């Protein structure tokens, strides 16, 4: 059996029907193509495949790929062959019992809390809707640890405010309600007032919390911010504090450190961040222990 383009197309369609993001679908397709490239280079047929083949494939990938890229490609190959077996295109998959390499998770170079505080204060001192929004985004990313995909889909109706509680429903596959830090709550109150003024002025309602802006003077207001917008906003903020290419990963890791320092237990923080395993929280605890010992 040779690689059939139709099988790849059906594979990607099945992933899309399962709700996978377009970027994930494309990634799995490339991973399947990568494995068939390996098969061609080794003159392998389907009847030659066995669990150990993935081990040899892993070694072959080390010539050009990094550890986590290799891990992803092996997972992608396993997914494709599982699809072929489910569709009765092959009798069974040879790879379900093959081991998956461990993920190598290195912590990014941390950004200092004083830099985050400097940015928050600077935005607090600035007037206008955009500065108020930027301050909220920074707090949600750097203090609460939200992901970009969660941030841009937050809706105002998910916000709950009372004298004793300030919480927010985080949307997405790891949907949850989180209690917000005081700094974040203050930023959202101010921003909400700015948005209310805009809604009265334009006689329209904005459902999403994080609005987008266009134009040099940010005069055009959009219903929703984009990932691209988040990326370049963080580049701008990083330039202010001399942290090149500041990104959401760095800020999420900062939030882990910040939340732990403010008394959250690892288990509470897992719930706050929507995590299913300890992962990098454990690495932060290890880093902090090493710092104190040093």
C-alpha atoms as a PDB file:
ATOM      1  CA  UNK A   1       0.000   0.000   0.000  1.00  0.00           C
ATOM      2  CA  UNK A   2       1.376   3.397  -1.002  1.00  0.00           C
ATOM      3  CA  UNK A   3       0.556   6.755   0.517  1.00  0.00           C
ATOM      4  CA  UNK A   4      -2.825   7.752  -0.875  1.00  0.00           C
ATOM      5  CA  UNK A   5      -3.567  11.468  -0.924  1.00  0.00           C
ATOM      6  CA  UNK A   6      -7.223  10.630  -0.347  1.00  0.00           C
ATOM      7  CA  UNK A   7      -6.348   8.915   2.950  1.00  0.00           C
ATOM      8  CA  UNK A   8      -4.516  12.040   4.118  1.00  0.00           C
ATOM      9  CA  UNK A   9      -7.457  14.210   3.126  1.00  0.00           C
ATOM     10  CA  UNK A  10      -9.905  11.948   4.970  1.00  0.00           C
ATOM     11  CA  UNK A  11      -7.583  11.944   7.990  1.00  0.00           C
ATOM     12  CA  UNK A  12      -7.556  15.727   8.156  1.00  0.00           C
ATOM     13  CA  UNK A  13     -11.331  15.858   7.666  1.00  0.00           C
ATOM     14  CA  UNK A  14     -11.838  13.471  10.575  1.00  0.00           C
ATOM     15  CA  UNK A  15      -9.657  15.656  12.802  1.00  0.00           C
ATOM     16  CA  UNK A  16     -11.610  18.756  11.822  1.00  0.00           C
ATOM     17  CA  UNK A  17     -14.904  17.004  12.595  1.00  0.00           C
ATOM     18  CA  UNK A  18     -13.547  16.231  16.068  1.00  0.00           C
ATOM     19  CA  UNK A  19     -13.119  19.963  16.648  1.00  0.00           C
ATOM     20  CA  UNK A  20      -9.346  20.171  16.247  1.00  0.00           C
ATOM     21  CA  UNK A  21      -8.009  23.628  15.392  1.00  0.00           C
ATOM     22  CA  UNK A  22      -6.921  24.209  11.755  1.00  0.00           C
ATOM     23  CA  UNK A  23      -3.295  24.644  12.864  1.00  0.00           C
ATOM     24  CA  UNK A  24      -3.452  21.286  14.687  1.00  0.00           C
ATOM     25  CA  UNK A  25      -4.977  19.571  11.659  1.00  0.00           C
ATOM     26  CA  UNK A  26      -2.220  20.930   9.399  1.00  0.00           C
ATOM     27  CA  UNK A  27       0.400  19.830  11.896  1.00  0.00           C
ATOM     28  CA  UNK A  28      -0.914  16.232  11.986  1.00  0.00           C
ATOM     29  CA  UNK A  29      -1.023  16.135   8.184  1.00  0.00           C
ATOM     30  CA  UNK A  30       2.629  17.239   7.971  1.00  0.00           C
ATOM     31  CA  UNK A  31       3.561  14.662  10.613  1.00  0.00           C
ATOM     32  CA  UNK A  32       1.971  11.879   8.557  1.00  0.00           C
ATOM     33  CA  UNK A  33       3.797  13.088   5.438  1.00  0.00           C
ATOM     34  CA  UNK A  34       7.063  13.153   7.396  1.00  0.00           C
ATOM     35  CA  UNK A  35       6.661   9.503   8.371  1.00  0.00           C
ATOM     36  CA  UNK A  36       5.987   8.462   4.780  1.00  0.00           C
ATOM     37  CA  UNK A  37       9.121  10.332   3.739  1.00  0.00           C
ATOM     38  CA  UNK A  38      11.014   8.212   6.257  1.00  0.00           C
ATOM     39  CA  UNK A  39       9.416   5.034   4.902  1.00  0.00           C
ATOM     40  CA  UNK A  40      10.487   5.958   1.376  1.00  0.00           C
ATOM     41  CA  UNK A  41      14.054   6.699   2.502  1.00  0.00           C
ATOM     42  CA  UNK A  42      14.278   3.259   4.165  1.00  0.00           C
ATOM     43  CA  UNK A  43      12.334   1.403   1.439  1.00  0.00           C
ATOM     44  CA  UNK A  44       9.777   0.272   4.026  1.00  0.00           C
ATOM     45  CA  UNK A  45       6.415  -1.237   3.168  1.00  0.00           C
ATOM     46  CA  UNK A  46       3.396  -1.394   5.463  1.00  0.00           C
ATOM     47  CA  UNK A  47       4.011  -5.074   6.122  1.00  0.00           C
ATOM     48  CA  UNK A  48       7.474  -4.158   7.442  1.00  0.00           C
ATOM     49  CA  UNK A  49       6.192  -1.840  10.170  1.00  0.00           C
ATOM     50  CA  UNK A  50       6.427  -2.845  13.815  1.00  0.00           C
ATOM     51  CA  UNK A  51       6.574  -0.965  17.152  1.00  0.00           C
ATOM     52  CA  UNK A  52      10.371  -0.692  16.930  1.00  0.00           C
ATOM     53  CA  UNK A  53       9.996   1.209  13.652  1.00  0.00           C
ATOM     54  CA  UNK A  54       9.025   4.311  15.612  1.00  0.00           C
ATOM     55  CA  UNK A  55      12.233   4.035  17.622  1.00  0.00           C
ATOM     56  CA  UNK A  56      14.263   3.994  14.403  1.00  0.00           C
ATOM     57  CA  UNK A  57      12.148   6.856  13.068  1.00  0.00           C
ATOM     58  CA  UNK A  58      12.910   8.844  16.218  1.00  0.00           C
ATOM     59  CA  UNK A  59      16.645   8.342  15.666  1.00  0.00           C
ATOM     60  CA  UNK A  60      16.250   9.391  12.015  1.00  0.00           C
ATOM     61  CA  UNK A  61      14.507  12.610  13.081  1.00  0.00           C
ATOM     62  CA  UNK A  62      17.372  13.603  15.401  1.00  0.00           C
ATOM     63  CA  UNK A  63      19.339  14.592  12.294  1.00  0.00           C
ATOM     64  CA  UNK A  64      17.109  17.629  11.747  1.00  0.00           C
ATOM     65  CA  UNK A  65      14.576  18.064  14.579  1.00  0.00           C
ATOM     66  CA  UNK A  66      14.600  19.092  18.229  1.00  0.00           C
ATOM     67  CA  UNK A  67      13.253  16.896  21.034  1.00  0.00           C
ATOM     68  CA  UNK A  68       9.713  18.271  21.308  1.00  0.00           C
ATOM     69  CA  UNK A  69       9.333  18.424  17.521  1.00  0.00           C
ATOM     70  CA  UNK A  70      10.328  14.739  17.364  1.00  0.00           C
ATOM     71  CA  UNK A  71       7.784  13.906  20.055  1.00  0.00           C
ATOM     72  CA  UNK A  72       5.022  15.700  18.145  1.00  0.00           C
ATOM     73  CA  UNK A  73       5.874  13.924  14.876  1.00  0.00           C
ATOM     74  CA  UNK A  74       5.744  10.527  16.537  1.00  0.00           C
ATOM     75  CA  UNK A  75       2.364  11.336  18.085  1.00  0.00           C
ATOM     76  CA  UNK A  76       1.166  12.504  14.654  1.00  0.00           C
ATOM     77  CA  UNK A  77       2.304   9.262  12.998  1.00  0.00           C
ATOM     78  CA  UNK A  78       0.535   7.205  15.680  1.00  0.00           C
ATOM     79  CA  UNK A  79      -2.670   9.199  15.180  1.00  0.00           C
ATOM     80  CA  UNK A  80      -2.595   8.678  11.419  1.00  0.00           C
ATOM     81  CA  UNK A  81      -2.125   4.915  11.678  1.00  0.00           C
ATOM     82  CA  UNK A  82      -4.863   4.708  14.287  1.00  0.00           C
ATOM     83  CA  UNK A  83      -7.131   6.452  11.794  1.00  0.00           C
ATOM     84  CA  UNK A  84      -6.176   3.954   9.065  1.00  0.00           C
ATOM     85  CA  UNK A  85      -7.005   1.056  11.409  1.00  0.00           C
ATOM     86  CA  UNK A  86     -10.314   2.613  12.505  1.00  0.00           C
ATOM     87  CA  UNK A  87     -11.289   3.031   8.844  1.00  0.00           C
ATOM     88  CA  UNK A  88     -10.325  -0.608   8.099  1.00  0.00           C
ATOM     89  CA  UNK A  89      -7.734   0.597   5.592  1.00  0.00           C
ATOM     90  CA  UNK A  90      -5.163  -1.497   7.455  1.00  0.00           C
ATOM     91  CA  UNK A  91      -5.893  -4.472   9.702  1.00  0.00           C
ATOM     92  CA  UNK A  92      -4.402  -2.923  12.834  1.00  0.00           C
ATOM     93  CA  UNK A  93      -1.944  -0.230  13.831  1.00  0.00           C
ATOM     94  CA  UNK A  94       1.579  -1.332  14.748  1.00  0.00           C
ATOM     95  CA  UNK A  95       2.292   1.729  16.854  1.00  0.00           C
ATOM     96  CA  UNK A  96      -0.188   1.854  19.743  1.00  0.00           C
ATOM     97  CA  UNK A  97       2.219   0.047  22.050  1.00  0.00           C
ATOM     98  CA  UNK A  98       5.256   2.048  20.942  1.00  0.00           C
ATOM     99  CA  UNK A  99       6.547   4.481  23.607  1.00  0.00           C
ATOM    100  CA  UNK A 100       6.188   8.238  23.150  1.00  0.00           C
ATOM    101  CA  UNK A 101       9.273  10.309  24.035  1.00  0.00           C
ATOM    102  CA  UNK A 102       8.999  12.417  27.166  1.00  0.00           C
ATOM    103  CA  UNK A 103       8.268  16.103  26.625  1.00  0.00           C
ATOM    104  CA  UNK A 104      11.252  18.344  27.354  1.00  0.00           C
ATOM    105  CA  UNK A 105       9.828  21.370  29.149  1.00  0.00           C
ATOM    106  CA  UNK A 106      12.359  24.089  29.825  1.00  0.00           C
ATOM    107  CA  UNK A 107      11.295  27.211  31.653  1.00  0.00           C
ATOM    108  CA  UNK A 108      11.725  30.434  29.655  1.00  0.00           C
ATOM    109  CA  UNK A 109      13.987  33.195  30.858  1.00  0.00           C
ATOM    110  CA  UNK A 110      11.828  34.811  33.573  1.00  0.00           C
ATOM    111  CA  UNK A 111      10.682  38.406  33.471  1.00  0.00           C
ATOM    112  CA  UNK A 112      11.051  40.260  36.759  1.00  0.00           C
ATOM    113  CA  UNK A 113       7.938  41.247  38.707  1.00  0.00           C
ATOM    114  CA  UNK A 114       9.234  44.821  38.878  1.00  0.00           C
ATOM    115  CA  UNK A 115       9.078  44.938  35.059  1.00  0.00           C
ATOM    116  CA  UNK A 116       5.459  43.736  35.093  1.00  0.00           C
ATOM    117  CA  UNK A 117       4.621  46.231  37.832  1.00  0.00           C
ATOM    118  CA  UNK A 118       6.292  49.015  35.844  1.00  0.00           C
ATOM    119  CA  UNK A 119       4.133  48.211  32.821  1.00  0.00           C
ATOM    120  CA  UNK A 120       0.924  47.971  34.869  1.00  0.00           C
ATOM    121  CA  UNK A 121       1.617  51.323  36.544  1.00  0.00           C
ATOM    122  CA  UNK A 122       2.487  52.954  33.232  1.00  0.00           C
ATOM    123  CA  UNK A 123      -0.793  51.807  31.683  1.00  0.00           C
ATOM    124  CA  UNK A 124      -2.707  52.851  34.803  1.00  0.00           C
ATOM    125  CA  UNK A 125      -1.272  56.357  34.453  1.00  0.00           C
ATOM    126  CA  UNK A 126      -2.315  56.555  30.785  1.00  0.00           C
ATOM    127  CA  UNK A 127      -5.799  57.635  29.784  1.00  0.00           C
ATOM    128  CA  UNK A 128      -8.143  56.185  27.219  1.00  0.00           C
ATOM    129  CA  UNK A 129      -9.835  52.944  26.281  1.00  0.00           C
ATOM    130  CA  UNK A 130      -6.802  51.241  24.701  1.00  0.00           C
ATOM    131  CA  UNK A 131      -4.514  51.811  27.691  1.00  0.00           C
ATOM    132  CA  UNK A 132      -7.240  50.460  29.994  1.00  0.00           C
ATOM    133  CA  UNK A 133      -7.637  47.398  27.781  1.00  0.00           C
ATOM    134  CA  UNK A 134      -3.873  46.806  27.565  1.00  0.00           C
ATOM    135  CA  UNK A 135      -3.639  46.919  31.355  1.00  0.00           C
ATOM    136  CA  UNK A 136      -6.382  44.270  31.671  1.00  0.00           C
ATOM    137  CA  UNK A 137      -4.665  42.048  29.101  1.00  0.00           C
ATOM    138  CA  UNK A 138      -1.343  42.311  30.904  1.00  0.00           C
ATOM    139  CA  UNK A 139      -2.952  41.437  34.255  1.00  0.00           C
ATOM    140  CA  UNK A 140      -4.864  38.478  32.827  1.00  0.00           C
ATOM    141  CA  UNK A 141      -1.733  37.082  31.183  1.00  0.00           C
ATOM    142  CA  UNK A 142       0.995  37.949  33.718  1.00  0.00           C
ATOM    143  CA  UNK A 143      -0.928  37.677  36.996  1.00  0.00           C
ATOM    144  CA  UNK A 144      -3.719  35.193  36.203  1.00  0.00           C
ATOM    145  CA  UNK A 145      -1.892  33.017  33.659  1.00  0.00           C
ATOM    146  CA  UNK A 146      -4.523  32.900  30.920  1.00  0.00           C
ATOM    147  CA  UNK A 147      -3.664  31.661  27.436  1.00  0.00           C
ATOM    148  CA  UNK A 148      -4.097  33.897  24.391  1.00  0.00           C
ATOM    149  CA  UNK A 149      -6.930  31.702  23.062  1.00  0.00           C
ATOM    150  CA  UNK A 150      -8.765  32.046  26.373  1.00  0.00           C
ATOM    151  CA  UNK A 151      -8.109  35.775  26.622  1.00  0.00           C
ATOM    152  CA  UNK A 152      -9.579  36.738  23.268  1.00  0.00           C
ATOM    153  CA  UNK A 153     -12.766  34.699  23.854  1.00  0.00           C
ATOM    154  CA  UNK A 154     -13.655  36.088  27.309  1.00  0.00           C
ATOM    155  CA  UNK A 155     -17.113  37.640  27.393  1.00  0.00           C
ATOM    156  CA  UNK A 156     -18.439  40.288  29.738  1.00  0.00           C
ATOM    157  CA  UNK A 157     -21.275  38.061  30.936  1.00  0.00           C
ATOM    158  CA  UNK A 158     -18.636  35.764  32.458  1.00  0.00           C
ATOM    159  CA  UNK A 159     -17.572  38.495  34.883  1.00  0.00           C
ATOM    160  CA  UNK A 160     -19.027  38.421  38.401  1.00  0.00           C
ATOM    161  CA  UNK A 161     -18.542  41.352  40.759  1.00  0.00           C
ATOM    162  CA  UNK A 162     -19.724  41.733  44.335  1.00  0.00           C
ATOM    163  CA  UNK A 163     -18.449  43.286  47.538  1.00  0.00           C
ATOM    164  CA  UNK A 164     -16.725  40.043  48.512  1.00  0.00           C
ATOM    165  CA  UNK A 165     -15.977  38.327  45.196  1.00  0.00           C
ATOM    166  CA  UNK A 166     -14.459  39.211  41.838  1.00  0.00           C
ATOM    167  CA  UNK A 167     -14.406  36.242  39.506  1.00  0.00           C
ATOM    168  CA  UNK A 168     -14.274  35.482  35.813  1.00  0.00           C
ATOM    169  CA  UNK A 169     -15.397  32.546  33.679  1.00  0.00           C
ATOM    170  CA  UNK A 170     -12.552  31.439  31.425  1.00  0.00           C
ATOM    171  CA  UNK A 171     -13.859  29.944  28.139  1.00  0.00           C
ATOM    172  CA  UNK A 172     -12.440  27.109  26.076  1.00  0.00           C
ATOM    173  CA  UNK A 173     -11.774  23.389  26.407  1.00  0.00           C
ATOM    174  CA  UNK A 174     -10.602  23.930  29.999  1.00  0.00           C
ATOM    175  CA  UNK A 175     -13.533  26.169  30.930  1.00  0.00           C
ATOM    176  CA  UNK A 176     -13.448  27.228  34.572  1.00  0.00           C
ATOM    177  CA  UNK A 177     -14.280  30.082  36.942  1.00  0.00           C
ATOM    178  CA  UNK A 178     -11.331  31.812  38.585  1.00  0.00           C
ATOM    179  CA  UNK A 179     -11.062  34.295  41.431  1.00  0.00           C
ATOM    180  CA  UNK A 180      -9.023  37.308  40.363  1.00  0.00           C
ATOM    181  CA  UNK A 181      -6.115  39.088  41.999  1.00  0.00           C
ATOM    182  CA  UNK A 182      -6.887  42.567  43.367  1.00  0.00           C
ATOM    183  CA  UNK A 183      -4.644  44.184  40.745  1.00  0.00           C
ATOM    184  CA  UNK A 184      -6.604  42.468  37.966  1.00  0.00           C
ATOM    185  CA  UNK A 185      -9.950  43.410  39.507  1.00  0.00           C
ATOM    186  CA  UNK A 186      -8.981  47.090  39.714  1.00  0.00           C
ATOM    187  CA  UNK A 187      -7.863  47.065  36.077  1.00  0.00           C
ATOM    188  CA  UNK A 188     -11.091  45.429  34.884  1.00  0.00           C
ATOM    189  CA  UNK A 189     -13.287  47.905  36.822  1.00  0.00           C
ATOM    190  CA  UNK A 190     -11.631  50.852  35.121  1.00  0.00           C
ATOM    191  CA  UNK A 191     -11.747  49.214  31.700  1.00  0.00           C
ATOM    192  CA  UNK A 192     -15.411  48.284  32.131  1.00  0.00           C
ATOM    193  CA  UNK A 193     -16.215  51.955  32.781  1.00  0.00           C
ATOM    194  CA  UNK A 194     -14.393  52.941  29.577  1.00  0.00           C
ATOM    195  CA  UNK A 195     -16.263  50.289  27.567  1.00  0.00           C
ATOM    196  CA  UNK A 196     -19.599  51.424  29.025  1.00  0.00           C
ATOM    197  CA  UNK A 197     -18.904  54.981  27.835  1.00  0.00           C
ATOM    198  CA  UNK A 198     -18.085  53.677  24.351  1.00  0.00           C
ATOM    199  CA  UNK A 199     -21.256  51.591  24.231  1.00  0.00           C
ATOM    200  CA  UNK A 200     -23.390  54.595  25.197  1.00  0.00           C
ATOM    201  CA  UNK A 201     -21.654  56.747  22.596  1.00  0.00           C
ATOM    202  CA  UNK A 202     -22.043  54.251  19.759  1.00  0.00           C
ATOM    203  CA  UNK A 203     -25.377  52.796  20.852  1.00  0.00           C
ATOM    204  CA  UNK A 204     -24.131  49.232  20.622  1.00  0.00           C
ATOM    205  CA  UNK A 205     -23.062  46.446  22.927  1.00  0.00           C
ATOM    206  CA  UNK A 206     -19.691  44.670  22.936  1.00  0.00           C
ATOM    207  CA  UNK A 207     -19.946  41.066  24.120  1.00  0.00           C
ATOM    208  CA  UNK A 208     -16.239  40.248  24.237  1.00  0.00           C
ATOM    209  CA  UNK A 209     -14.046  41.793  26.868  1.00  0.00           C
ATOM    210  CA  UNK A 210     -10.896  42.285  24.800  1.00  0.00           C
ATOM    211  CA  UNK A 211     -11.681  44.685  21.983  1.00  0.00           C
ATOM    212  CA  UNK A 212      -9.411  45.150  18.987  1.00  0.00           C
ATOM    213  CA  UNK A 213      -8.065  48.397  17.576  1.00  0.00           C
ATOM    214  CA  UNK A 214      -6.891  49.512  14.152  1.00  0.00           C
ATOM    215  CA  UNK A 215      -5.118  52.612  12.941  1.00  0.00           C
ATOM    216  CA  UNK A 216      -2.111  54.475  14.311  1.00  0.00           C
ATOM    217  CA  UNK A 217      -4.323  56.344  16.727  1.00  0.00           C
ATOM    218  CA  UNK A 218      -6.411  53.218  17.503  1.00  0.00           C
ATOM    219  CA  UNK A 219      -9.496  55.068  16.317  1.00  0.00           C
ATOM    220  CA  UNK A 220     -11.195  52.023  14.809  1.00  0.00           C
ATOM    221  CA  UNK A 221     -12.631  49.703  17.484  1.00  0.00           C
ATOM    222  CA  UNK A 222     -13.208  46.054  16.578  1.00  0.00           C
ATOM    223  CA  UNK A 223     -15.477  43.540  18.322  1.00  0.00           C
ATOM    224  CA  UNK A 224     -12.669  41.111  19.031  1.00  0.00           C
ATOM    225  CA  UNK A 225      -8.921  41.140  19.488  1.00  0.00           C
ATOM    226  CA  UNK A 226      -6.847  38.669  17.470  1.00  0.00           C
ATOM    227  CA  UNK A 227      -3.861  36.476  18.368  1.00  0.00           C
ATOM    228  CA  UNK A 228      -1.841  38.667  16.036  1.00  0.00           C
ATOM    229  CA  UNK A 229      -2.926  41.704  18.024  1.00  0.00           C
ATOM    230  CA  UNK A 230      -1.933  40.077  21.311  1.00  0.00           C
ATOM    231  CA  UNK A 231       1.467  39.136  19.892  1.00  0.00           C
ATOM    232  CA  UNK A 232       2.369  42.640  18.786  1.00  0.00           C
ATOM    233  CA  UNK A 233       0.949  44.301  21.894  1.00  0.00           C
ATOM    234  CA  UNK A 234       3.321  42.162  23.975  1.00  0.00           C
ATOM    235  CA  UNK A 235       6.229  43.037  21.680  1.00  0.00           C
ATOM    236  CA  UNK A 236       5.454  46.717  22.321  1.00  0.00           C
ATOM    237  CA  UNK A 237       5.271  46.220  26.083  1.00  0.00           C
ATOM    238  CA  UNK A 238       8.431  44.115  26.081  1.00  0.00           C
ATOM    239  CA  UNK A 239      10.290  46.890  24.278  1.00  0.00           C
ATOM    240  CA  UNK A 240       9.435  49.281  27.119  1.00  0.00           C
ATOM    241  CA  UNK A 241      11.056  47.053  29.766  1.00  0.00           C
ATOM    242  CA  UNK A 242      13.831  45.774  27.452  1.00  0.00           C
ATOM    243  CA  UNK A 243      12.540  42.196  27.227  1.00  0.00           C
ATOM    244  CA  UNK A 244      12.775  41.334  23.498  1.00  0.00           C
ATOM    245  CA  UNK A 245       9.818  39.468  22.026  1.00  0.00           C
ATOM    246  CA  UNK A 246       7.813  39.236  25.219  1.00  0.00           C
ATOM    247  CA  UNK A 247       5.165  36.541  24.715  1.00  0.00           C
ATOM    248  CA  UNK A 248       2.266  34.768  26.395  1.00  0.00           C
ATOM    249  CA  UNK A 249       4.395  31.781  27.424  1.00  0.00           C
ATOM    250  CA  UNK A 250       6.769  34.011  29.401  1.00  0.00           C
ATOM    251  CA  UNK A 251       3.838  35.774  31.056  1.00  0.00           C
ATOM    252  CA  UNK A 252       2.071  32.504  31.909  1.00  0.00           C
ATOM    253  CA  UNK A 253       5.217  31.283  33.627  1.00  0.00           C
ATOM    254  CA  UNK A 254       5.435  34.600  35.451  1.00  0.00           C
ATOM    255  CA  UNK A 255       1.855  34.068  36.640  1.00  0.00           C
ATOM    256  CA  UNK A 256       2.816  30.677  38.086  1.00  0.00           C
ATOM    257  CA  UNK A 257       5.590  32.271  40.147  1.00  0.00           C
ATOM    258  CA  UNK A 258       3.347  35.181  41.147  1.00  0.00           C
ATOM    259  CA  UNK A 259       0.415  32.987  42.226  1.00  0.00           C
ATOM    260  CA  UNK A 260       2.649  30.629  44.214  1.00  0.00           C
ATOM    261  CA  UNK A 261       4.274  33.611  45.951  1.00  0.00           C
ATOM    262  CA  UNK A 262       0.790  34.875  46.850  1.00  0.00           C
ATOM    263  CA  UNK A 263      -0.069  31.687  48.687  1.00  0.00           C
ATOM    264  CA  UNK A 264      -1.755  29.407  46.176  1.00  0.00           C
ATOM    265  CA  UNK A 265      -0.985  25.722  46.583  1.00  0.00           C
ATOM    266  CA  UNK A 266       0.123  23.770  43.491  1.00  0.00           C
ATOM    267  CA  UNK A 267      -3.289  22.046  43.414  1.00  0.00           C
ATOM    268  CA  UNK A 268      -5.160  25.361  43.597  1.00  0.00           C
ATOM    269  CA  UNK A 269      -2.941  26.764  40.872  1.00  0.00           C
ATOM    270  CA  UNK A 270      -3.628  23.777  38.622  1.00  0.00           C
ATOM    271  CA  UNK A 271      -7.353  24.521  38.892  1.00  0.00           C
ATOM    272  CA  UNK A 272      -6.735  28.231  38.296  1.00  0.00           C
ATOM    273  CA  UNK A 273      -4.721  27.569  35.132  1.00  0.00           C
ATOM    274  CA  UNK A 274      -6.883  24.689  33.899  1.00  0.00           C
ATOM    275  CA  UNK A 275      -4.041  22.154  34.091  1.00  0.00           C
ATOM    276  CA  UNK A 276      -4.404  18.388  34.322  1.00  0.00           C
ATOM    277  CA  UNK A 277      -0.877  17.677  35.525  1.00  0.00           C
ATOM    278  CA  UNK A 278       1.683  19.433  37.657  1.00  0.00           C
ATOM    279  CA  UNK A 279       4.124  19.938  34.767  1.00  0.00           C
ATOM    280  CA  UNK A 280       5.908  23.262  34.852  1.00  0.00           C
ATOM    281  CA  UNK A 281       4.479  24.160  38.259  1.00  0.00           C
ATOM    282  CA  UNK A 282       6.808  21.508  39.663  1.00  0.00           C
ATOM    283  CA  UNK A 283       9.685  23.039  37.707  1.00  0.00           C
ATOM    284  CA  UNK A 284       8.921  26.443  39.215  1.00  0.00           C
ATOM    285  CA  UNK A 285       8.950  24.921  42.674  1.00  0.00           C
ATOM    286  CA  UNK A 286      12.291  23.311  41.870  1.00  0.00           C
ATOM    287  CA  UNK A 287      13.710  26.555  40.518  1.00  0.00           C
ATOM    288  CA  UNK A 288      12.600  28.453  43.627  1.00  0.00           C
ATOM    289  CA  UNK A 289      14.094  25.795  45.914  1.00  0.00           C
ATOM    290  CA  UNK A 290      17.399  25.980  44.054  1.00  0.00           C
ATOM    291  CA  UNK A 291      17.392  29.768  44.259  1.00  0.00           C
ATOM    292  CA  UNK A 292      16.835  29.697  48.016  1.00  0.00           C
ATOM    293  CA  UNK A 293      19.544  27.069  48.526  1.00  0.00           C
ATOM    294  CA  UNK A 294      21.944  29.157  46.467  1.00  0.00           C
END
